[in-house]
Amino acid sequence: MAAGPSPAVDPDMYDVIVLTTDGSELAETAAERGLAIAEVHEAAVCVVCVAETGPFDEVRLPGDAASAEEAIRGQAETYVERLAERARSLGLDVETEVRTGTPKNGIVDYASSVDADLIVLGTHGRGGVQRAVLGSVAEHVVRVSDVDVLVVRDR
């Protein structure tokens, strides 16, 4: 197959890219792909972690429910800041957000609130072993998002 001229990259295609993270290796891999796209398009990067909290948090983390939620938020802030620092090192404008709630809804809501052009996420995160082919969060985001979604597979 003969290679033709490479298509021109539309620099205005993606102005705001949302990178999602849950601290997993796959989320980091997806974020690196998103950062590469952000560099090409000189896009702003919004890094978000929607930490799922619930009545059993104190079972996963010792202490009462409030301290368990605080610990979960602290972990989420660490994940977000790690990706934000990576984006800043590339000279990209960065916004960060940590939310609690249901990730599949929180990601879509956040992307809408920042007027995103692209959402980047992995096929599954920390609960990936229990997920079928495409994780329930990724599947939901793909189905309901009004913007492009890049779903990065676990290899």
Protein backbone atom coordinates (compact mmCIF):
# COMPACT_ATOMS: atom_id res chain seq x y z
CA MET A 1 0.00 0.00 0.00
CA ALA A 2 1.54 3.31 -1.03
CA ALA A 3 1.83 5.91 1.63
CA GLY A 4 0.32 9.20 0.60
CA PRO A 5 0.87 12.55 2.18
CA SER A 6 -0.05 12.56 5.83
CA PRO A 7 -3.25 14.43 6.54
CA ALA A 8 -2.88 17.85 8.10
CA VAL A 9 -3.64 17.98 11.80
CA ASP A 10 -6.44 20.39 12.59
CA PRO A 11 -4.98 22.36 15.52
CA ASP A 12 -8.46 23.39 16.66
CA MET A 13 -9.84 19.86 16.79
CA TYR A 14 -9.16 19.44 20.51
CA ASP A 15 -8.90 22.49 22.74
CA VAL A 16 -9.77 20.81 26.05
CA ILE A 17 -8.89 17.20 26.81
CA VAL A 18 -10.10 15.40 29.93
CA LEU A 19 -7.76 12.75 31.31
CA THR A 20 -9.35 10.41 33.81
CA THR A 21 -7.45 8.52 36.46
CA ASP A 22 -8.01 6.04 39.23
CA GLY A 23 -4.32 5.52 39.88
CA SER A 24 -4.18 2.27 37.91
CA GLU A 25 -1.45 1.41 35.44
CA LEU A 26 -3.96 1.44 32.59
CA ALA A 27 -5.16 4.93 33.57
CA GLU A 28 -1.54 6.10 33.42
CA THR A 29 -1.10 4.53 29.98
CA ALA A 30 -4.31 6.16 28.73
CA ALA A 31 -3.19 9.50 30.15
CA GLU A 32 0.12 9.31 28.30
CA ARG A 33 -1.80 8.87 25.04
CA GLY A 34 -4.01 11.79 25.95
CA LEU A 35 -0.98 13.94 26.74
CA ALA A 36 0.51 13.14 23.34
CA ILE A 37 -2.70 14.31 21.68
CA ALA A 38 -2.76 17.42 23.86
CA GLU A 39 0.78 18.29 22.78
CA VAL A 40 -0.07 18.01 19.08
CA HIS A 41 -3.19 20.14 19.47
CA GLU A 42 -1.74 22.48 22.12
CA ALA A 43 -4.83 21.65 24.15
CA ALA A 44 -5.55 22.40 27.77
CA VAL A 45 -5.62 19.29 29.94
CA CYS A 46 -8.17 18.65 32.67
CA VAL A 47 -7.23 15.79 34.97
CA VAL A 48 -10.09 14.28 36.95
CA CYS A 49 -10.52 11.44 39.40
CA VAL A 50 -14.03 10.56 40.46
CA ALA A 51 -13.52 8.57 43.63
CA GLU A 52 -16.34 6.18 44.33
CA THR A 53 -17.26 6.32 47.98
CA GLY A 54 -19.89 4.35 49.75
CA PRO A 55 -21.08 2.72 52.93
CA PHE A 56 -18.31 0.11 52.94
CA ASP A 57 -15.37 2.51 52.78
CA GLU A 58 -14.64 1.98 56.46
CA VAL A 59 -14.24 -1.75 55.75
CA ARG A 60 -11.61 -1.03 53.08
CA LEU A 61 -9.93 1.64 55.19
CA PRO A 62 -9.83 1.57 59.00
CA GLY A 63 -11.77 4.24 60.87
CA ASP A 64 -15.17 5.81 60.56
CA ALA A 65 -16.90 6.63 57.28
CA ALA A 66 -15.74 10.26 57.28
CA SER A 67 -12.08 9.39 57.74
CA ALA A 68 -12.38 6.64 55.12
CA GLU A 69 -13.80 9.12 52.60
CA GLU A 70 -11.02 11.58 53.47
CA ALA A 71 -8.41 8.87 52.84
CA ILE A 72 -9.98 7.99 49.50
CA ARG A 73 -10.01 11.67 48.48
CA GLY A 74 -6.36 11.93 49.52
CA GLN A 75 -5.44 9.01 47.27
CA ALA A 76 -7.40 10.53 44.41
CA GLU A 77 -5.63 13.88 44.86
CA THR A 78 -2.28 12.08 44.66
CA TYR A 79 -3.26 10.39 41.38
CA VAL A 80 -4.52 13.65 39.88
CA GLU A 81 -1.49 15.68 40.92
CA ARG A 82 0.91 13.09 39.50
CA LEU A 83 -0.72 13.41 36.06
CA ALA A 84 -1.00 17.18 36.36
CA GLU A 85 2.73 17.45 37.02
CA ARG A 86 3.43 15.33 33.94
CA ALA A 87 1.23 17.63 31.83
CA ARG A 88 2.90 20.75 33.25
CA SER A 89 6.32 19.29 32.43
CA LEU A 90 5.19 19.22 28.79
CA GLY A 91 4.23 22.90 28.95
CA LEU A 92 0.49 22.24 28.87
CA ASP A 93 -2.15 24.25 30.70
CA VAL A 94 -3.67 22.05 33.40
CA GLU A 95 -6.77 22.04 35.54
CA THR A 96 -7.40 19.38 38.20
CA GLU A 97 -10.48 18.07 39.90
CA VAL A 98 -11.25 15.40 42.47
CA ARG A 99 -14.86 14.44 42.87
CA THR A 100 -16.66 11.80 44.83
CA GLY A 101 -19.58 9.86 43.50
CA THR A 102 -20.21 7.43 40.69
CA PRO A 103 -17.29 7.57 38.22
CA LYS A 104 -19.35 6.86 35.12
CA ASN A 105 -21.62 9.84 35.78
CA GLY A 106 -18.97 12.04 37.35
CA ILE A 107 -16.64 11.81 34.35
CA VAL A 108 -19.35 12.78 31.87
CA ASP A 109 -20.59 15.61 34.11
CA TYR A 110 -17.08 16.95 34.61
CA ALA A 111 -16.29 16.83 30.87
CA SER A 112 -19.47 18.79 30.21
CA SER A 113 -18.62 21.36 32.89
CA VAL A 114 -15.22 22.13 31.30
CA ASP A 115 -16.59 22.07 27.76
CA ALA A 116 -14.26 19.20 26.82
CA ASP A 117 -13.58 18.14 23.26
CA LEU A 118 -12.13 14.73 24.16
CA ILE A 119 -12.27 12.33 27.11
CA VAL A 120 -9.44 9.80 27.53
CA LEU A 121 -9.82 6.77 29.78
CA GLY A 122 -8.84 3.14 30.11
CA THR A 123 -11.15 0.22 29.39
CA HIS A 124 -11.21 -0.58 33.07
CA GLY A 125 -9.60 0.52 36.26
CA ARG A 126 -9.02 -0.96 39.63
CA GLY A 127 -11.99 -3.32 39.39
CA GLY A 128 -11.01 -4.44 35.92
CA VAL A 129 -10.90 -8.17 36.58
CA GLN A 130 -14.62 -8.17 37.28
CA ARG A 131 -15.47 -6.20 34.17
CA ALA A 132 -16.52 -7.70 30.87
CA VAL A 133 -14.87 -6.72 27.60
CA LEU A 134 -15.30 -2.97 28.09
CA GLY A 135 -15.50 -1.71 31.67
CA SER A 136 -18.85 -0.41 32.82
CA VAL A 137 -17.44 3.10 33.35
CA ALA A 138 -15.86 3.25 29.90
CA GLU A 139 -18.93 1.76 28.29
CA HIS A 140 -21.20 4.31 29.92
CA VAL A 141 -18.95 7.24 29.00
CA VAL A 142 -18.81 6.12 25.37
CA ARG A 143 -22.58 5.73 25.24
CA VAL A 144 -23.63 9.01 26.84
CA SER A 145 -20.82 11.47 26.14
CA ASP A 146 -21.49 14.27 23.68
CA VAL A 147 -17.78 14.50 22.84
CA ASP A 148 -15.15 12.17 21.42
CA VAL A 149 -13.94 9.45 23.76
CA LEU A 150 -10.61 7.65 23.44
CA VAL A 151 -10.73 4.34 25.25
CA VAL A 152 -7.33 2.73 25.75
CA ARG A 153 -7.27 -1.05 25.98
CA ASP A 154 -5.31 -3.09 28.48
CA ARG A 155 -2.79 -5.13 26.53
